[in-house]
Amino acid sequence: MPLIKVQTSVEGPAKTTVEALLKDLSASLSKHLGKPESYVMTAFEPSVPMTFAGTTDPACFIEIKSVGTMGGGKTKAMSQDFCAKVQAALGVPTDRTYIEFADAQGAMWGWNGTTFG
């Protein structure tokens, strides 16, 4: 049930660029967490009004959620990887991107009429 959601202040690029980014993020998240990609969901929200450090320069907020423990080693590697991917695809500098990592209990995440716990 891993989820990666990207919200950014920049306008959305071409549909093919967004789709390529989401597919890349999906495969990478699956690999980082060691979970089947068939459970990974991605989402992209462009043109979200944001400030970072008091300016409206391009910024990005990424949410990563998963059932289970991600741990410090995994989150550091994911932060480096996903910041670089967003910068390459959207032009948002890595120092203007925040990432929130959240471990969810299985019973608190639903799918297919049931939960993972």
PDB file of N, CA and C in Angstrom:
ATOM      1  N   MET A   1       0.777  -1.199   0.000  1.00  0.00           N
ATOM      2  CA  MET A   1       0.000   0.000   0.000  1.00  0.00           C
ATOM      3  C   MET A   1       0.822   1.269   0.000  1.00  0.00           C
ATOM      4  N   PRO A   2       2.048   1.211  -0.405  1.00  0.00           N
ATOM      5  CA  PRO A   2       2.816   2.458  -0.419  1.00  0.00           C
ATOM      6  C   PRO A   2       2.159   3.517  -1.310  1.00  0.00           C
ATOM      7  N   LEU A   3       2.274   4.754  -0.846  1.00  0.00           N
ATOM      8  CA  LEU A   3       1.748   5.904  -1.571  1.00  0.00           C
ATOM      9  C   LEU A   3       2.835   6.958  -1.647  1.00  0.00           C
ATOM     10  N   ILE A   4       2.994   7.553  -2.822  1.00  0.00           N
ATOM     11  CA  ILE A   4       3.839   8.738  -2.964  1.00  0.00           C
ATOM     12  C   ILE A   4       3.009   9.792  -3.672  1.00  0.00           C
ATOM     13  N   LYS A   5       2.868  10.939  -2.999  1.00  0.00           N
ATOM     14  CA  LYS A   5       2.062  12.037  -3.513  1.00  0.00           C
ATOM     15  C   LYS A   5       2.955  13.271  -3.631  1.00  0.00           C
ATOM     16  N   VAL A   6       2.964  13.859  -4.820  1.00  0.00           N
ATOM     17  CA  VAL A   6       3.789  15.032  -5.088  1.00  0.00           C
ATOM     18  C   VAL A   6       2.880  16.234  -5.290  1.00  0.00           C
ATOM     19  N   GLN A   7       3.079  17.254  -4.484  1.00  0.00           N
ATOM     20  CA  GLN A   7       2.393  18.531  -4.660  1.00  0.00           C
ATOM     21  C   GLN A   7       3.471  19.572  -4.954  1.00  0.00           C
ATOM     22  N   THR A   8       3.241  20.380  -5.967  1.00  0.00           N
ATOM     23  CA  THR A   8       4.247  21.372  -6.339  1.00  0.00           C
ATOM     24  C   THR A   8       3.584  22.678  -6.756  1.00  0.00           C
ATOM     25  N   SER A   9       4.338  23.739  -6.608  1.00  0.00           N
ATOM     26  CA  SER A   9       3.839  25.055  -7.014  1.00  0.00           C
ATOM     27  C   SER A   9       4.023  25.299  -8.504  1.00  0.00           C
ATOM     28  N   VAL A  10       4.826  24.490  -9.170  1.00  0.00           N
ATOM     29  CA  VAL A  10       5.055  24.705 -10.595  1.00  0.00           C
ATOM     30  C   VAL A  10       3.874  24.192 -11.413  1.00  0.00           C
ATOM     31  N   GLU A  11       3.699  24.799 -12.584  1.00  0.00           N
ATOM     32  CA  GLU A  11       2.650  24.328 -13.486  1.00  0.00           C
ATOM     33  C   GLU A  11       2.979  22.923 -13.936  1.00  0.00           C
ATOM     34  N   GLY A  12       1.947  22.151 -14.184  1.00  0.00           N
ATOM     35  CA  GLY A  12       2.158  20.789 -14.635  1.00  0.00           C
ATOM     36  C   GLY A  12       2.820  20.753 -15.998  1.00  0.00           C
ATOM     37  N   PRO A  13       3.840  19.923 -16.137  1.00  0.00           N
ATOM     38  CA  PRO A  13       4.450  19.743 -17.452  1.00  0.00           C
ATOM     39  C   PRO A  13       3.526  18.922 -18.351  1.00  0.00           C
ATOM     40  N   ALA A  14       3.985  18.587 -19.518  1.00  0.00           N
ATOM     41  CA  ALA A  14       3.203  17.780 -20.453  1.00  0.00           C
ATOM     42  C   ALA A  14       2.763  16.476 -19.791  1.00  0.00           C
ATOM     43  N   LYS A  15       1.611  15.985 -20.223  1.00  0.00           N
ATOM     44  CA  LYS A  15       1.039  14.753 -19.660  1.00  0.00           C
ATOM     45  C   LYS A  15       2.046  13.600 -19.725  1.00  0.00           C
ATOM     46  N   THR A  16       2.774  13.481 -20.806  1.00  0.00           N
ATOM     47  CA  THR A  16       3.738  12.391 -20.937  1.00  0.00           C
ATOM     48  C   THR A  16       4.861  12.517 -19.908  1.00  0.00           C
ATOM     49  N   THR A  17       5.263  13.746 -19.584  1.00  0.00           N
ATOM     50  CA  THR A  17       6.301  13.967 -18.573  1.00  0.00           C
ATOM     51  C   THR A  17       5.789  13.570 -17.197  1.00  0.00           C
ATOM     52  N   VAL A  18       4.553  13.947 -16.894  1.00  0.00           N
ATOM     53  CA  VAL A  18       3.961  13.590 -15.603  1.00  0.00           C
ATOM     54  C   VAL A  18       3.833  12.075 -15.489  1.00  0.00           C
ATOM     55  N   GLU A  19       3.332  11.442 -16.524  1.00  0.00           N
ATOM     56  CA  GLU A  19       3.175   9.983 -16.486  1.00  0.00           C
ATOM     57  C   GLU A  19       4.514   9.282 -16.314  1.00  0.00           C
ATOM     58  N   ALA A  20       5.541   9.774 -16.993  1.00  0.00           N
ATOM     59  CA  ALA A  20       6.878   9.180 -16.862  1.00  0.00           C
ATOM     60  C   ALA A  20       7.404   9.355 -15.439  1.00  0.00           C
ATOM     61  N   LEU A  21       7.200  10.542 -14.866  1.00  0.00           N
ATOM     62  CA  LEU A  21       7.639  10.785 -13.490  1.00  0.00           C
ATOM     63  C   LEU A  21       6.913   9.848 -12.532  1.00  0.00           C
ATOM     64  N   LEU A  22       5.591   9.726 -12.661  1.00  0.00           N
ATOM     65  CA  LEU A  22       4.827   8.871 -11.754  1.00  0.00           C
ATOM     66  C   LEU A  22       5.238   7.407 -11.871  1.00  0.00           C
ATOM     67  N   LYS A  23       5.481   6.946 -13.074  1.00  0.00           N
ATOM     68  CA  LYS A  23       5.922   5.557 -13.261  1.00  0.00           C
ATOM     69  C   LYS A  23       7.303   5.341 -12.647  1.00  0.00           C
ATOM     70  N   ASP A  24       8.185   6.329 -12.805  1.00  0.00           N
ATOM     71  CA  ASP A  24       9.523   6.250 -12.226  1.00  0.00           C
ATOM     72  C   ASP A  24       9.443   6.229 -10.701  1.00  0.00           C
ATOM     73  N   LEU A  25       8.615   7.119 -10.132  1.00  0.00           N
ATOM     74  CA  LEU A  25       8.451   7.152  -8.678  1.00  0.00           C
ATOM     75  C   LEU A  25       7.854   5.845  -8.160  1.00  0.00           C
ATOM     76  N   SER A  26       6.901   5.292  -8.877  1.00  0.00           N
ATOM     77  CA  SER A  26       6.261   4.040  -8.478  1.00  0.00           C
ATOM     78  C   SER A  26       7.279   2.896  -8.412  1.00  0.00           C
ATOM     79  N   ALA A  27       8.050   2.747  -9.466  1.00  0.00           N
ATOM     80  CA  ALA A  27       9.056   1.678  -9.502  1.00  0.00           C
ATOM     81  C   ALA A  27      10.106   1.874  -8.416  1.00  0.00           C
ATOM     82  N   SER A  28      10.529   3.116  -8.217  1.00  0.00           N
ATOM     83  CA  SER A  28      11.551   3.395  -7.210  1.00  0.00           C
ATOM     84  C   SER A  28      11.036   3.145  -5.800  1.00  0.00           C
ATOM     85  N   LEU A  29       9.799   3.567  -5.514  1.00  0.00           N
ATOM     86  CA  LEU A  29       9.244   3.346  -4.179  1.00  0.00           C
ATOM     87  C   LEU A  29       9.114   1.854  -3.888  1.00  0.00           C
ATOM     88  N   SER A  30       8.668   1.104  -4.874  1.00  0.00           N
ATOM     89  CA  SER A  30       8.572  -0.344  -4.722  1.00  0.00           C
ATOM     90  C   SER A  30       9.923  -0.945  -4.374  1.00  0.00           C
ATOM     91  N   LYS A  31      10.945  -0.502  -5.082  1.00  0.00           N
ATOM     92  CA  LYS A  31      12.296  -1.026  -4.855  1.00  0.00           C
ATOM     93  C   LYS A  31      12.830  -0.625  -3.474  1.00  0.00           C
ATOM     94  N   HIS A  32      12.667   0.643  -3.112  1.00  0.00           N
ATOM     95  CA  HIS A  32      13.151   1.118  -1.810  1.00  0.00           C
ATOM     96  C   HIS A  32      12.508   0.362  -0.657  1.00  0.00           C
ATOM     97  N   LEU A  33      11.218   0.079  -0.780  1.00  0.00           N
ATOM     98  CA  LEU A  33      10.489  -0.552   0.326  1.00  0.00           C
ATOM     99  C   LEU A  33      10.434  -2.071   0.230  1.00  0.00           C
ATOM    100  N   GLY A  34      10.845  -2.622  -0.903  1.00  0.00           N
ATOM    101  CA  GLY A  34      10.791  -4.063  -1.065  1.00  0.00           C
ATOM    102  C   GLY A  34       9.372  -4.593  -1.101  1.00  0.00           C
ATOM    103  N   LYS A  35       8.465  -3.784  -1.668  1.00  0.00           N
ATOM    104  CA  LYS A  35       7.059  -4.188  -1.766  1.00  0.00           C
ATOM    105  C   LYS A  35       6.667  -4.268  -3.233  1.00  0.00           C
ATOM    106  N   PRO A  36       5.696  -5.128  -3.562  1.00  0.00           N
ATOM    107  CA  PRO A  36       5.281  -5.261  -4.959  1.00  0.00           C
ATOM    108  C   PRO A  36       4.746  -3.935  -5.515  1.00  0.00           C
ATOM    109  N   GLU A  37       5.150  -3.609  -6.731  1.00  0.00           N
ATOM    110  CA  GLU A  37       4.667  -2.378  -7.348  1.00  0.00           C
ATOM    111  C   GLU A  37       3.158  -2.418  -7.568  1.00  0.00           C
ATOM    112  N   SER A  38       2.582  -3.610  -7.596  1.00  0.00           N
ATOM    113  CA  SER A  38       1.133  -3.735  -7.789  1.00  0.00           C
ATOM    114  C   SER A  38       0.340  -3.076  -6.651  1.00  0.00           C
ATOM    115  N   TYR A  39       0.998  -2.764  -5.523  1.00  0.00           N
ATOM    116  CA  TYR A  39       0.339  -2.090  -4.405  1.00  0.00           C
ATOM    117  C   TYR A  39       0.667  -0.600  -4.334  1.00  0.00           C
ATOM    118  N   VAL A  40       1.578  -0.118  -5.152  1.00  0.00           N
ATOM    119  CA  VAL A  40       2.030   1.278  -5.066  1.00  0.00           C
ATOM    120  C   VAL A  40       1.050   2.206  -5.781  1.00  0.00           C
ATOM    121  N   MET A  41       0.727   3.321  -5.125  1.00  0.00           N
ATOM    122  CA  MET A  41      -0.100   4.369  -5.735  1.00  0.00           C
ATOM    123  C   MET A  41       0.735   5.647  -5.799  1.00  0.00           C
ATOM    124  N   THR A  42       0.591   6.375  -6.906  1.00  0.00           N
ATOM    125  CA  THR A  42       1.247   7.664  -7.046  1.00  0.00           C
ATOM    126  C   THR A  42       0.198   8.728  -7.345  1.00  0.00           C
ATOM    127  N   ALA A  43       0.497   9.965  -6.967  1.00  0.00           N
ATOM    128  CA  ALA A  43      -0.406  11.085  -7.250  1.00  0.00           C
ATOM    129  C   ALA A  43       0.435  12.331  -7.496  1.00  0.00           C
ATOM    130  N   PHE A  44      -0.101  13.221  -8.342  1.00  0.00           N
ATOM    131  CA  PHE A  44       0.620  14.441  -8.703  1.00  0.00           C
ATOM    132  C   PHE A  44      -0.352  15.608  -8.728  1.00  0.00           C
ATOM    133  N   GLU A  45      -0.035  16.671  -8.010  1.00  0.00           N
ATOM    134  CA  GLU A  45      -0.841  17.884  -7.977  1.00  0.00           C
ATOM    135  C   GLU A  45       0.036  19.081  -8.343  1.00  0.00           C
ATOM    136  N   PRO A  46      -0.112  19.609  -9.551  1.00  0.00           N
ATOM    137  CA  PRO A  46       0.654  20.802  -9.939  1.00  0.00           C
ATOM    138  C   PRO A  46      -0.083  22.080  -9.540  1.00  0.00           C
ATOM    139  N   SER A  47       0.605  23.172  -9.665  1.00  0.00           N
ATOM    140  CA  SER A  47       0.022  24.514  -9.481  1.00  0.00           C
ATOM    141  C   SER A  47      -0.635  24.722  -8.114  1.00  0.00           C
ATOM    142  N   VAL A  48      -0.060  24.140  -7.069  1.00  0.00           N
ATOM    143  CA  VAL A  48      -0.565  24.327  -5.715  1.00  0.00           C
ATOM    144  C   VAL A  48       0.077  25.599  -5.152  1.00  0.00           C
ATOM    145  N   PRO A  49      -0.726  26.573  -4.721  1.00  0.00           N
ATOM    146  CA  PRO A  49      -0.125  27.778  -4.139  1.00  0.00           C
ATOM    147  C   PRO A  49       0.716  27.413  -2.913  1.00  0.00           C
ATOM    148  N   MET A  50       1.991  27.803  -2.909  1.00  0.00           N
ATOM    149  CA  MET A  50       2.910  27.462  -1.818  1.00  0.00           C
ATOM    150  C   MET A  50       3.907  28.591  -1.608  1.00  0.00           C
ATOM    151  N   THR A  51       4.407  28.650  -0.388  1.00  0.00           N
ATOM    152  CA  THR A  51       5.603  29.429  -0.114  1.00  0.00           C
ATOM    153  C   THR A  51       6.600  28.514   0.562  1.00  0.00           C
ATOM    154  N   PHE A  52       7.856  28.846   0.439  1.00  0.00           N
ATOM    155  CA  PHE A  52       8.937  28.142   1.129  1.00  0.00           C
ATOM    156  C   PHE A  52       9.986  29.207   1.407  1.00  0.00           C
ATOM    157  N   ALA A  53      10.406  29.314   2.647  1.00  0.00           N
ATOM    158  CA  ALA A  53      11.381  30.333   3.048  1.00  0.00           C
ATOM    159  C   ALA A  53      10.877  31.737   2.718  1.00  0.00           C
ATOM    160  N   GLY A  54       9.574  31.908   2.772  1.00  0.00           N
ATOM    161  CA  GLY A  54       8.989  33.218   2.570  1.00  0.00           C
ATOM    162  C   GLY A  54       8.871  33.689   1.136  1.00  0.00           C
ATOM    163  N   THR A  55       9.141  32.790   0.174  1.00  0.00           N
ATOM    164  CA  THR A  55       9.020  33.173  -1.231  1.00  0.00           C
ATOM    165  C   THR A  55       8.094  32.212  -1.960  1.00  0.00           C
ATOM    166  N   THR A  56       7.654  32.632  -3.128  1.00  0.00           N
ATOM    167  CA  THR A  56       6.814  31.780  -3.973  1.00  0.00           C
ATOM    168  C   THR A  56       7.625  31.140  -5.098  1.00  0.00           C
ATOM    169  N   ASP A  57       8.949  31.117  -4.966  1.00  0.00           N
ATOM    170  CA  ASP A  57       9.780  30.397  -5.936  1.00  0.00           C
ATOM    171  C   ASP A  57       9.330  28.931  -5.953  1.00  0.00           C
ATOM    172  N   PRO A  58       9.633  28.201  -7.031  1.00  0.00           N
ATOM    173  CA  PRO A  58       9.186  26.810  -7.123  1.00  0.00           C
ATOM    174  C   PRO A  58       9.512  26.001  -5.858  1.00  0.00           C
ATOM    175  N   ALA A  59       8.510  25.256  -5.403  1.00  0.00           N
ATOM    176  CA  ALA A  59       8.646  24.433  -4.210  1.00  0.00           C
ATOM    177  C   ALA A  59       7.866  23.139  -4.404  1.00  0.00           C
ATOM    178  N   CYS A  60       8.147  22.168  -3.532  1.00  0.00           N
ATOM    179  CA  CYS A  60       7.501  20.867  -3.655  1.00  0.00           C
ATOM    180  C   CYS A  60       7.335  20.237  -2.276  1.00  0.00           C
ATOM    181  N   PHE A  61       6.215  19.539  -2.102  1.00  0.00           N
ATOM    182  CA  PHE A  61       5.962  18.758  -0.895  1.00  0.00           C
ATOM    183  C   PHE A  61       5.620  17.350  -1.337  1.00  0.00           C
ATOM    184  N   ILE A  62       6.324  16.378  -0.785  1.00  0.00           N
ATOM    185  CA  ILE A  62       6.119  14.976  -1.134  1.00  0.00           C
ATOM    186  C   ILE A  62       5.693  14.220   0.119  1.00  0.00           C
ATOM    187  N   GLU A  63       4.625  13.437  -0.007  1.00  0.00           N
ATOM    188  CA  GLU A  63       4.189  12.562   1.078  1.00  0.00           C
ATOM    189  C   GLU A  63       4.478  11.121   0.675  1.00  0.00           C
ATOM    190  N   ILE A  64       5.088  10.381   1.571  1.00  0.00           N
ATOM    191  CA  ILE A  64       5.336   8.962   1.349  1.00  0.00           C
ATOM    192  C   ILE A  64       4.772   8.215   2.552  1.00  0.00           C
ATOM    193  N   LYS A  65       3.837   7.317   2.271  1.00  0.00           N
ATOM    194  CA  LYS A  65       3.199   6.539   3.330  1.00  0.00           C
ATOM    195  C   LYS A  65       3.288   5.056   2.985  1.00  0.00           C
ATOM    196  N   SER A  66       3.432   4.254   4.038  1.00  0.00           N
ATOM    197  CA  SER A  66       3.503   2.815   3.821  1.00  0.00           C
ATOM    198  C   SER A  66       3.145   2.090   5.113  1.00  0.00           C
ATOM    199  N   VAL A  67       2.570   0.906   4.979  1.00  0.00           N
ATOM    200  CA  VAL A  67       2.343   0.050   6.132  1.00  0.00           C
ATOM    201  C   VAL A  67       3.674  -0.600   6.474  1.00  0.00           C
ATOM    202  N   GLY A  68       4.082  -0.467   7.703  1.00  0.00           N
ATOM    203  CA  GLY A  68       5.356  -1.026   8.133  1.00  0.00           C
ATOM    204  C   GLY A  68       6.336   0.080   8.456  1.00  0.00           C
ATOM    205  N   THR A  69       7.525  -0.308   8.844  1.00  0.00           N
ATOM    206  CA  THR A  69       8.539   0.648   9.264  1.00  0.00           C
ATOM    207  C   THR A  69       9.488   0.962   8.120  1.00  0.00           C
ATOM    208  N   MET A  70       9.641   2.241   7.845  1.00  0.00           N
ATOM    209  CA  MET A  70      10.587   2.656   6.801  1.00  0.00           C
ATOM    210  C   MET A  70      11.996   2.794   7.357  1.00  0.00           C
ATOM    211  N   GLY A  71      12.164   3.323   8.537  1.00  0.00           N
ATOM    212  CA  GLY A  71      13.476   3.426   9.158  1.00  0.00           C
ATOM    213  C   GLY A  71      14.369   4.497   8.546  1.00  0.00           C
ATOM    214  N   GLY A  72      15.356   4.933   9.340  1.00  0.00           N
ATOM    215  CA  GLY A  72      16.247   6.021   8.956  1.00  0.00           C
ATOM    216  C   GLY A  72      17.069   5.788   7.706  1.00  0.00           C
ATOM    217  N   GLY A  73      17.604   4.593   7.533  1.00  0.00           N
ATOM    218  CA  GLY A  73      18.413   4.318   6.344  1.00  0.00           C
ATOM    219  C   GLY A  73      17.599   4.396   5.071  1.00  0.00           C
ATOM    220  N   LYS A  74      16.402   3.848   5.106  1.00  0.00           N
ATOM    221  CA  LYS A  74      15.534   3.870   3.928  1.00  0.00           C
ATOM    222  C   LYS A  74      15.074   5.288   3.620  1.00  0.00           C
ATOM    223  N   THR A  75      14.703   6.041   4.649  1.00  0.00           N
ATOM    224  CA  THR A  75      14.189   7.383   4.385  1.00  0.00           C
ATOM    225  C   THR A  75      15.272   8.309   3.850  1.00  0.00           C
ATOM    226  N   LYS A  76      16.496   8.170   4.304  1.00  0.00           N
ATOM    227  CA  LYS A  76      17.593   8.997   3.771  1.00  0.00           C
ATOM    228  C   LYS A  76      17.812   8.694   2.298  1.00  0.00           C
ATOM    229  N   ALA A  77      17.823   7.422   1.950  1.00  0.00           N
ATOM    230  CA  ALA A  77      18.024   7.032   0.549  1.00  0.00           C
ATOM    231  C   ALA A  77      16.861   7.515  -0.317  1.00  0.00           C
ATOM    232  N   MET A  78      15.634   7.385   0.199  1.00  0.00           N
ATOM    233  CA  MET A  78      14.469   7.841  -0.563  1.00  0.00           C
ATOM    234  C   MET A  78      14.467   9.357  -0.724  1.00  0.00           C
ATOM    235  N   SER A  79      14.858  10.080   0.312  1.00  0.00           N
ATOM    236  CA  SER A  79      14.902  11.539   0.221  1.00  0.00           C
ATOM    237  C   SER A  79      15.851  11.976  -0.885  1.00  0.00           C
ATOM    238  N   GLN A  80      17.018  11.410  -0.903  1.00  0.00           N
ATOM    239  CA  GLN A  80      17.997  11.748  -1.939  1.00  0.00           C
ATOM    240  C   GLN A  80      17.461  11.399  -3.323  1.00  0.00           C
ATOM    241  N   ASP A  81      16.916  10.217  -3.479  1.00  0.00           N
ATOM    242  CA  ASP A  81      16.419   9.737  -4.760  1.00  0.00           C
ATOM    243  C   ASP A  81      15.254  10.579  -5.267  1.00  0.00           C
ATOM    244  N   PHE A  82      14.237  10.775  -4.428  1.00  0.00           N
ATOM    245  CA  PHE A  82      13.030  11.458  -4.885  1.00  0.00           C
ATOM    246  C   PHE A  82      13.237  12.954  -5.074  1.00  0.00           C
ATOM    247  N   CYS A  83      14.085  13.573  -4.265  1.00  0.00           N
ATOM    248  CA  CYS A  83      14.406  14.990  -4.498  1.00  0.00           C
ATOM    249  C   CYS A  83      15.090  15.158  -5.855  1.00  0.00           C
ATOM    250  N   ALA A  84      15.999  14.254  -6.172  1.00  0.00           N
ATOM    251  CA  ALA A  84      16.700  14.327  -7.463  1.00  0.00           C
ATOM    252  C   ALA A  84      15.735  14.108  -8.628  1.00  0.00           C
ATOM    253  N   LYS A  85      14.819  13.168  -8.491  1.00  0.00           N
ATOM    254  CA  LYS A  85      13.854  12.893  -9.559  1.00  0.00           C
ATOM    255  C   LYS A  85      12.928  14.093  -9.802  1.00  0.00           C
ATOM    256  N   VAL A  86      12.468  14.722  -8.726  1.00  0.00           N
ATOM    257  CA  VAL A  86      11.590  15.882  -8.852  1.00  0.00           C
ATOM    258  C   VAL A  86      12.336  17.062  -9.464  1.00  0.00           C
ATOM    259  N   GLN A  87      13.578  17.246  -9.052  1.00  0.00           N
ATOM    260  CA  GLN A  87      14.366  18.337  -9.633  1.00  0.00           C
ATOM    261  C   GLN A  87      14.559  18.116 -11.129  1.00  0.00           C
ATOM    262  N   ALA A  88      14.870  16.896 -11.532  1.00  0.00           N
ATOM    263  CA  ALA A  88      15.088  16.602 -12.950  1.00  0.00           C
ATOM    264  C   ALA A  88      13.810  16.776 -13.770  1.00  0.00           C
ATOM    265  N   ALA A  89      12.684  16.344 -13.230  1.00  0.00           N
ATOM    266  CA  ALA A  89      11.424  16.382 -13.988  1.00  0.00           C
ATOM    267  C   ALA A  89      10.730  17.738 -13.944  1.00  0.00           C
ATOM    268  N   LEU A  90      10.839  18.439 -12.803  1.00  0.00           N
ATOM    269  CA  LEU A  90      10.048  19.659 -12.603  1.00  0.00           C
ATOM    270  C   LEU A  90      10.882  20.919 -12.426  1.00  0.00           C
ATOM    271  N   GLY A  91      12.175  20.748 -12.190  1.00  0.00           N
ATOM    272  CA  GLY A  91      13.030  21.906 -11.986  1.00  0.00           C
ATOM    273  C   GLY A  91      12.964  22.502 -10.593  1.00  0.00           C
ATOM    274  N   VAL A  92      12.372  21.794  -9.639  1.00  0.00           N
ATOM    275  CA  VAL A  92      12.302  22.299  -8.263  1.00  0.00           C
ATOM    276  C   VAL A  92      13.607  21.925  -7.562  1.00  0.00           C
ATOM    277  N   PRO A  93      14.335  22.924  -7.048  1.00  0.00           N
ATOM    278  CA  PRO A  93      15.599  22.622  -6.362  1.00  0.00           C
ATOM    279  C   PRO A  93      15.384  21.704  -5.164  1.00  0.00           C
ATOM    280  N   THR A  94      16.359  20.871  -4.889  1.00  0.00           N
ATOM    281  CA  THR A  94      16.246  19.921  -3.779  1.00  0.00           C
ATOM    282  C   THR A  94      16.120  20.632  -2.435  1.00  0.00           C
ATOM    283  N   ASP A  95      16.679  21.837  -2.332  1.00  0.00           N
ATOM    284  CA  ASP A  95      16.579  22.562  -1.066  1.00  0.00           C
ATOM    285  C   ASP A  95      15.262  23.323  -0.918  1.00  0.00           C
ATOM    286  N   ARG A  96      14.335  23.101  -1.871  1.00  0.00           N
ATOM    287  CA  ARG A  96      12.988  23.673  -1.768  1.00  0.00           C
ATOM    288  C   ARG A  96      11.940  22.565  -1.810  1.00  0.00           C
ATOM    289  N   THR A  97      12.353  21.373  -1.384  1.00  0.00           N
ATOM    290  CA  THR A  97      11.467  20.216  -1.343  1.00  0.00           C
ATOM    291  C   THR A  97      11.468  19.626   0.057  1.00  0.00           C
ATOM    292  N   TYR A  98      10.290  19.478   0.625  1.00  0.00           N
ATOM    293  CA  TYR A  98      10.120  18.756   1.880  1.00  0.00           C
ATOM    294  C   TYR A  98       9.485  17.403   1.563  1.00  0.00           C
ATOM    295  N   ILE A  99       9.876  16.397   2.349  1.00  0.00           N
ATOM    296  CA  ILE A  99       9.280  15.069   2.233  1.00  0.00           C
ATOM    297  C   ILE A  99       8.807  14.640   3.616  1.00  0.00           C
ATOM    298  N   GLU A 100       7.564  14.184   3.686  1.00  0.00           N
ATOM    299  CA  GLU A 100       7.018  13.622   4.922  1.00  0.00           C
ATOM    300  C   GLU A 100       6.917  12.109   4.753  1.00  0.00           C
ATOM    301  N   PHE A 101       7.568  11.381   5.630  1.00  0.00           N
ATOM    302  CA  PHE A 101       7.494   9.923   5.645  1.00  0.00           C
ATOM    303  C   PHE A 101       6.563   9.518   6.783  1.00  0.00           C
ATOM    304  N   ALA A 102       5.599   8.659   6.498  1.00  0.00           N
ATOM    305  CA  ALA A 102       4.656   8.232   7.530  1.00  0.00           C
ATOM    306  C   ALA A 102       4.437   6.727   7.452  1.00  0.00           C
ATOM    307  N   ASP A 103       4.710   6.065   8.571  1.00  0.00           N
ATOM    308  CA  ASP A 103       4.395   4.645   8.695  1.00  0.00           C
ATOM    309  C   ASP A 103       2.952   4.519   9.160  1.00  0.00           C
ATOM    310  N   ALA A 104       2.193   3.681   8.502  1.00  0.00           N
ATOM    311  CA  ALA A 104       0.802   3.462   8.879  1.00  0.00           C
ATOM    312  C   ALA A 104       0.648   2.062   9.469  1.00  0.00           C
ATOM    313  N   GLN A 105      -0.204   1.951  10.473  1.00  0.00           N
ATOM    314  CA  GLN A 105      -0.546   0.628  10.984  1.00  0.00           C
ATOM    315  C   GLN A 105      -1.473  -0.030   9.969  1.00  0.00           C
ATOM    316  N   GLY A 106      -1.329  -1.317   9.777  1.00  0.00           N
ATOM    317  CA  GLY A 106      -2.134  -2.033   8.799  1.00  0.00           C
ATOM    318  C   GLY A 106      -3.630  -1.843   8.966  1.00  0.00           C
ATOM    319  N   ALA A 107      -4.087  -1.790  10.209  1.00  0.00           N
ATOM    320  CA  ALA A 107      -5.514  -1.631  10.470  1.00  0.00           C
ATOM    321  C   ALA A 107      -6.018  -0.232  10.124  1.00  0.00           C
ATOM    322  N   MET A 108      -5.094   0.700   9.883  1.00  0.00           N
ATOM    323  CA  MET A 108      -5.470   2.086   9.589  1.00  0.00           C
ATOM    324  C   MET A 108      -5.379   2.409   8.097  1.00  0.00           C
ATOM    325  N   TRP A 109      -5.220   1.381   7.272  1.00  0.00           N
ATOM    326  CA  TRP A 109      -5.137   1.594   5.827  1.00  0.00           C
ATOM    327  C   TRP A 109      -6.049   0.581   5.149  1.00  0.00           C
ATOM    328  N   GLY A 110      -7.055   1.080   4.434  1.00  0.00           N
ATOM    329  CA  GLY A 110      -8.023   0.202   3.801  1.00  0.00           C
ATOM    330  C   GLY A 110      -7.757  -0.001   2.319  1.00  0.00           C
ATOM    331  N   TRP A 111      -8.216  -1.145   1.820  1.00  0.00           N
ATOM    332  CA  TRP A 111      -8.106  -1.495   0.417  1.00  0.00           C
ATOM    333  C   TRP A 111      -9.025  -2.674   0.115  1.00  0.00           C
ATOM    334  N   ASN A 112      -9.697  -2.619  -0.989  1.00  0.00           N
ATOM    335  CA  ASN A 112     -10.484  -3.739  -1.479  1.00  0.00           C
ATOM    336  C   ASN A 112     -11.515  -4.217  -0.458  1.00  0.00           C
ATOM    337  N   GLY A 113     -12.116  -3.278   0.256  1.00  0.00           N
ATOM    338  CA  GLY A 113     -13.160  -3.623   1.213  1.00  0.00           C
ATOM    339  C   GLY A 113     -12.671  -4.151   2.544  1.00  0.00           C
ATOM    340  N   THR A 114     -11.362  -4.109   2.790  1.00  0.00           N
ATOM    341  CA  THR A 114     -10.818  -4.585   4.063  1.00  0.00           C
ATOM    342  C   THR A 114      -9.661  -3.675   4.454  1.00  0.00           C
ATOM    343  N   THR A 115      -8.806  -4.111   5.361  1.00  0.00           N
ATOM    344  CA  THR A 115      -7.620  -3.350   5.735  1.00  0.00           C
ATOM    345  C   THR A 115      -6.392  -4.258   5.638  1.00  0.00           C
ATOM    346  N   PHE A 116      -5.225  -3.660   5.824  1.00  0.00           N
ATOM    347  CA  PHE A 116      -3.994  -4.440   5.779  1.00  0.00           C
ATOM    348  C   PHE A 116      -3.606  -5.002   7.149  1.00  0.00           C
ATOM    349  N   GLY A 117      -4.463  -4.816   8.145  1.00  0.00           N
ATOM    350  CA  GLY A 117      -4.099  -5.295   9.487  1.00  0.00           C
ATOM    351  C   GLY A 117      -5.199  -6.076  10.146  1.00  0.00           C
TER     352      GLY A 117
END
